[in-house]
Amino acid sequence: MVKEAPYGSGPYTVDWSLGQAGLNINVIVESDQLVTALVSNIQGNMRMDEVLIENAPDRFTQEAFSVCQGESNVFPDGYTLENITYATSFYSELQTANRCDSAVMTMITLIQLYTITSTTSLSISCTNQADASRGSEVLMS
C-alpha cells in the first residue's frame, strides 16, 4: 500500500525494494520489515515511500480442557455446551473489526465419574450344643 502518489497523473508504476513491481504485491515475511516503494508516473515524476510490512501472528490456536461428566464449558465464541457426557472438539471463529480474524480449536476430554459401593454381608449363626463352653459362633464374610 503506497501512501501518496507523485504529482501529475497516472498511470502509476511501483517498484518495490523486495524486487517486485505493481500497485499490489503479495509477500510473506518472517518478521516485521520496512520496505521501500518507488512510485512513478508517465510524466517522469517520482516519489519514494516506505511501507512497514507486519508479520501477522498465527491466527489459529488450539486449547484443551478436561471436564467432569455432566459439567458445562463456554467456548471462545461464547457458545455453551451443557451437560457434557462425551469427549468432543469445537471450532470457534472469532472476527474483529480490523479483519484480524482468528480461529480456536477446543478439545474437551471427559473425566468419568465412578461411584464405588461396598457391600458387606454379615452372617450370624448361634449354636446351642450340649457343650456350653463353646458358646455362640459369629461368622463374618
C-alpha atoms as a PDB file:
ATOM      1  CA  MET A   1       0.000   0.000   0.000  1.00  0.00           C
ATOM      2  CA  VAL A   2       1.500   3.285  -1.102  1.00  0.00           C
ATOM      3  CA  LYS A   3       0.586   6.304   0.980  1.00  0.00           C
ATOM      4  CA  GLU A   4       0.829   9.034  -1.657  1.00  0.00           C
ATOM      5  CA  ALA A   5       1.350   9.188  -5.429  1.00  0.00           C
ATOM      6  CA  PRO A   6       3.703  11.704  -7.090  1.00  0.00           C
ATOM      7  CA  TYR A   7       2.457  14.889  -8.743  1.00  0.00           C
ATOM      8  CA  GLY A   8       0.993  14.534 -12.188  1.00  0.00           C
ATOM      9  CA  SER A   9      -1.413  11.991 -13.488  1.00  0.00           C
ATOM     10  CA  GLY A  10      -1.385   8.227 -13.864  1.00  0.00           C
ATOM     11  CA  PRO A  11      -0.951   5.590 -14.783  1.00  0.00           C
ATOM     12  CA  TYR A  12       1.496   4.892 -11.988  1.00  0.00           C
ATOM     13  CA  THR A  13       4.109   2.187 -11.642  1.00  0.00           C
ATOM     14  CA  VAL A  14       5.513   0.945  -8.357  1.00  0.00           C
ATOM     15  CA  ASP A  15       8.879  -0.761  -7.923  1.00  0.00           C
ATOM     16  CA  TRP A  16       9.423  -2.369  -4.535  1.00  0.00           C
ATOM     17  CA  SER A  17      12.745  -2.908  -2.762  1.00  0.00           C
ATOM     18  CA  LEU A  18      11.741  -6.587  -2.484  1.00  0.00           C
ATOM     19  CA  GLY A  19      12.267  -6.938  -6.238  1.00  0.00           C
ATOM     20  CA  GLN A  20       8.591  -6.960  -7.191  1.00  0.00           C
ATOM     21  CA  ALA A  21       6.635  -4.421  -9.206  1.00  0.00           C
ATOM     22  CA  GLY A  22       2.986  -3.425  -9.182  1.00  0.00           C
ATOM     23  CA  LEU A  23       0.453  -1.493  -7.170  1.00  0.00           C
ATOM     24  CA  ASN A  24      -0.377  -4.590  -5.119  1.00  0.00           C
ATOM     25  CA  ILE A  25       2.113  -7.280  -4.192  1.00  0.00           C
ATOM     26  CA  ASN A  26       1.852 -10.366  -2.012  1.00  0.00           C
ATOM     27  CA  VAL A  27       4.712 -11.062   0.343  1.00  0.00           C
ATOM     28  CA  ILE A  28       5.391 -13.327   3.278  1.00  0.00           C
ATOM     29  CA  VAL A  29       7.808 -12.031   5.868  1.00  0.00           C
ATOM     30  CA  GLU A  30       9.176 -13.843   8.914  1.00  0.00           C
ATOM     31  CA  SER A  31       9.333 -10.653  10.947  1.00  0.00           C
ATOM     32  CA  ASP A  32       8.235  -7.049  10.540  1.00  0.00           C
ATOM     33  CA  GLN A  33      10.082  -5.498   7.605  1.00  0.00           C
ATOM     34  CA  LEU A  34      10.374  -1.930   6.308  1.00  0.00           C
ATOM     35  CA  VAL A  35      10.344  -1.859   2.501  1.00  0.00           C
ATOM     36  CA  THR A  36      10.705   0.959   0.001  1.00  0.00           C
ATOM     37  CA  ALA A  37       8.376   1.674  -2.896  1.00  0.00           C
ATOM     38  CA  LEU A  38       9.409   3.911  -5.798  1.00  0.00           C
ATOM     39  CA  VAL A  39       6.236   5.321  -7.350  1.00  0.00           C
ATOM     40  CA  SER A  40       6.471   6.983 -10.751  1.00  0.00           C
ATOM     41  CA  ASN A  41       4.133   8.151 -13.488  1.00  0.00           C
ATOM     42  CA  ILE A  42       4.445   8.571 -17.278  1.00  0.00           C
ATOM     43  CA  GLN A  43       5.463  12.247 -16.873  1.00  0.00           C
ATOM     44  CA  GLY A  44       8.604  11.093 -15.037  1.00  0.00           C
ATOM     45  CA  ASN A  45       7.520  12.294 -11.604  1.00  0.00           C
ATOM     46  CA  MET A  46       8.750  10.038  -8.809  1.00  0.00           C
ATOM     47  CA  ARG A  47       8.124   9.622  -5.133  1.00  0.00           C
ATOM     48  CA  MET A  48       9.859   7.297  -2.679  1.00  0.00           C
ATOM     49  CA  ASP A  49       7.677   5.827   0.045  1.00  0.00           C
ATOM     50  CA  GLU A  50       8.384   3.452   2.912  1.00  0.00           C
ATOM     51  CA  VAL A  51       5.888   0.817   3.957  1.00  0.00           C
ATOM     52  CA  LEU A  52       6.055  -1.356   7.068  1.00  0.00           C
ATOM     53  CA  ILE A  53       5.002  -4.925   6.348  1.00  0.00           C
ATOM     54  CA  GLU A  54       4.000  -6.535   9.597  1.00  0.00           C
ATOM     55  CA  ASN A  55       4.242 -10.229  10.224  1.00  0.00           C
ATOM     56  CA  ALA A  56       0.760 -11.420  11.103  1.00  0.00           C
ATOM     57  CA  PRO A  57       0.693 -13.576  14.222  1.00  0.00           C
ATOM     58  CA  ASP A  58      -0.567 -17.123  13.961  1.00  0.00           C
ATOM     59  CA  ARG A  59      -4.311 -16.773  13.962  1.00  0.00           C
ATOM     60  CA  PHE A  60      -5.087 -20.405  14.724  1.00  0.00           C
ATOM     61  CA  THR A  61      -4.878 -21.633  18.287  1.00  0.00           C
ATOM     62  CA  GLN A  62      -5.607 -24.926  19.972  1.00  0.00           C
ATOM     63  CA  GLU A  63      -6.621 -25.410  23.566  1.00  0.00           C
ATOM     64  CA  ALA A  64      -7.582 -28.428  25.621  1.00  0.00           C
ATOM     65  CA  PHE A  65      -9.716 -28.853  28.725  1.00  0.00           C
ATOM     66  CA  SER A  66     -10.798 -31.716  30.924  1.00  0.00           C
ATOM     67  CA  VAL A  67     -14.259 -31.578  32.444  1.00  0.00           C
ATOM     68  CA  CYS A  68     -16.153 -33.922  34.693  1.00  0.00           C
ATOM     69  CA  GLN A  69     -19.102 -35.756  33.248  1.00  0.00           C
ATOM     70  CA  GLY A  70     -22.193 -33.552  33.388  1.00  0.00           C
ATOM     71  CA  GLU A  71     -20.320 -30.222  33.569  1.00  0.00           C
ATOM     72  CA  SER A  72     -20.588 -27.369  31.056  1.00  0.00           C
ATOM     73  CA  ASN A  73     -17.998 -25.461  29.041  1.00  0.00           C
ATOM     74  CA  VAL A  74     -18.111 -21.985  27.472  1.00  0.00           C
ATOM     75  CA  PHE A  75     -16.134 -21.864  24.205  1.00  0.00           C
ATOM     76  CA  PRO A  76     -14.185 -18.794  22.976  1.00  0.00           C
ATOM     77  CA  ASP A  77     -17.012 -17.652  20.697  1.00  0.00           C
ATOM     78  CA  GLY A  78     -19.469 -17.676  23.623  1.00  0.00           C
ATOM     79  CA  TYR A  79     -21.261 -20.932  22.780  1.00  0.00           C
ATOM     80  CA  THR A  80     -22.006 -23.028  25.869  1.00  0.00           C
ATOM     81  CA  LEU A  81     -22.161 -26.811  25.772  1.00  0.00           C
ATOM     82  CA  GLU A  82     -24.200 -28.051  28.729  1.00  0.00           C
ATOM     83  CA  ASN A  83     -24.174 -31.448  30.449  1.00  0.00           C
ATOM     84  CA  ILE A  84     -21.121 -32.846  28.650  1.00  0.00           C
ATOM     85  CA  THR A  85     -21.272 -36.650  28.532  1.00  0.00           C
ATOM     86  CA  TYR A  86     -18.656 -37.422  25.845  1.00  0.00           C
ATOM     87  CA  ALA A  87     -15.239 -36.225  24.643  1.00  0.00           C
ATOM     88  CA  THR A  88     -15.613 -33.649  21.869  1.00  0.00           C
ATOM     89  CA  SER A  89     -13.949 -30.817  19.983  1.00  0.00           C
ATOM     90  CA  PHE A  90     -15.349 -27.442  18.974  1.00  0.00           C
ATOM     91  CA  TYR A  91     -14.182 -24.938  16.339  1.00  0.00           C
ATOM     92  CA  SER A  92     -14.692 -21.236  17.162  1.00  0.00           C
ATOM     93  CA  GLU A  93     -14.271 -18.486  14.574  1.00  0.00           C
ATOM     94  CA  LEU A  94     -13.647 -15.035  16.006  1.00  0.00           C
ATOM     95  CA  GLN A  95     -13.991 -11.958  13.803  1.00  0.00           C
ATOM     96  CA  THR A  96     -12.737  -8.472  14.544  1.00  0.00           C
ATOM     97  CA  ALA A  97     -13.427  -5.079  13.009  1.00  0.00           C
ATOM     98  CA  ASN A  98      -9.811  -4.840  11.797  1.00  0.00           C
ATOM     99  CA  ARG A  99     -10.016  -8.200   9.965  1.00  0.00           C
ATOM    100  CA  CYS A 100      -7.599  -9.847  12.369  1.00  0.00           C
ATOM    101  CA  ASP A 101      -9.864 -12.878  12.440  1.00  0.00           C
ATOM    102  CA  SER A 102      -8.776 -15.944  14.328  1.00  0.00           C
ATOM    103  CA  ALA A 103      -9.864 -19.499  14.953  1.00  0.00           C
ATOM    104  CA  VAL A 104      -9.654 -21.611  18.078  1.00  0.00           C
ATOM    105  CA  MET A 105      -9.962 -25.398  18.204  1.00  0.00           C
ATOM    106  CA  THR A 106     -11.019 -26.560  21.667  1.00  0.00           C
ATOM    107  CA  MET A 107     -10.651 -30.215  22.620  1.00  0.00           C
ATOM    108  CA  ILE A 108     -12.668 -31.466  25.592  1.00  0.00           C
ATOM    109  CA  THR A 109     -11.590 -34.591  27.476  1.00  0.00           C
ATOM    110  CA  LEU A 110     -14.183 -36.183  29.692  1.00  0.00           C
ATOM    111  CA  ILE A 111     -13.333 -37.269  33.223  1.00  0.00           C
ATOM    112  CA  GLN A 112     -15.585 -40.187  34.026  1.00  0.00           C
ATOM    113  CA  LEU A 113     -17.130 -40.194  37.484  1.00  0.00           C
ATOM    114  CA  TYR A 114     -17.478 -43.585  39.130  1.00  0.00           C
ATOM    115  CA  THR A 115     -19.410 -44.418  42.267  1.00  0.00           C
ATOM    116  CA  ILE A 116     -17.803 -47.088  44.374  1.00  0.00           C
ATOM    117  CA  THR A 117     -20.166 -49.005  46.575  1.00  0.00           C
ATOM    118  CA  SER A 118     -19.112 -51.533  49.141  1.00  0.00           C
ATOM    119  CA  THR A 119     -21.295 -54.424  50.130  1.00  0.00           C
ATOM    120  CA  THR A 120     -20.719 -56.414  53.261  1.00  0.00           C
ATOM    121  CA  SER A 121     -22.655 -59.455  54.232  1.00  0.00           C
ATOM    122  CA  LEU A 122     -22.925 -60.469  57.829  1.00  0.00           C
ATOM    123  CA  SER A 123     -23.918 -63.948  58.790  1.00  0.00           C
ATOM    124  CA  ILE A 124     -24.528 -64.849  62.407  1.00  0.00           C
ATOM    125  CA  SER A 125     -25.189 -68.366  63.474  1.00  0.00           C
ATOM    126  CA  CYS A 126     -25.689 -69.450  67.022  1.00  0.00           C
ATOM    127  CA  THR A 127     -25.127 -72.992  68.123  1.00  0.00           C
ATOM    128  CA  ASN A 128     -26.820 -74.353  71.108  1.00  0.00           C
ATOM    129  CA  GLN A 129     -24.945 -77.503  71.789  1.00  0.00           C
ATOM    130  CA  ALA A 130     -24.575 -79.588  74.818  1.00  0.00           C
ATOM    131  CA  ASP A 131     -21.068 -78.249  75.263  1.00  0.00           C
ATOM    132  CA  ALA A 132     -21.737 -74.873  76.873  1.00  0.00           C
ATOM    133  CA  SER A 133     -18.099 -73.917  76.759  1.00  0.00           C
ATOM    134  CA  ARG A 134     -18.315 -73.247  73.035  1.00  0.00           C
ATOM    135  CA  GLY A 135     -20.977 -70.584  73.352  1.00  0.00           C
ATOM    136  CA  SER A 136     -22.021 -68.882  70.139  1.00  0.00           C
ATOM    137  CA  GLU A 137     -20.147 -68.520  66.887  1.00  0.00           C
ATOM    138  CA  VAL A 138     -20.230 -65.361  64.810  1.00  0.00           C
ATOM    139  CA  LEU A 139     -19.158 -65.688  61.209  1.00  0.00           C
ATOM    140  CA  MET A 140     -18.455 -62.624  59.084  1.00  0.00           C
ATOM    141  CA  SER A 141     -17.695 -62.622  55.435  1.00  0.00           C
END
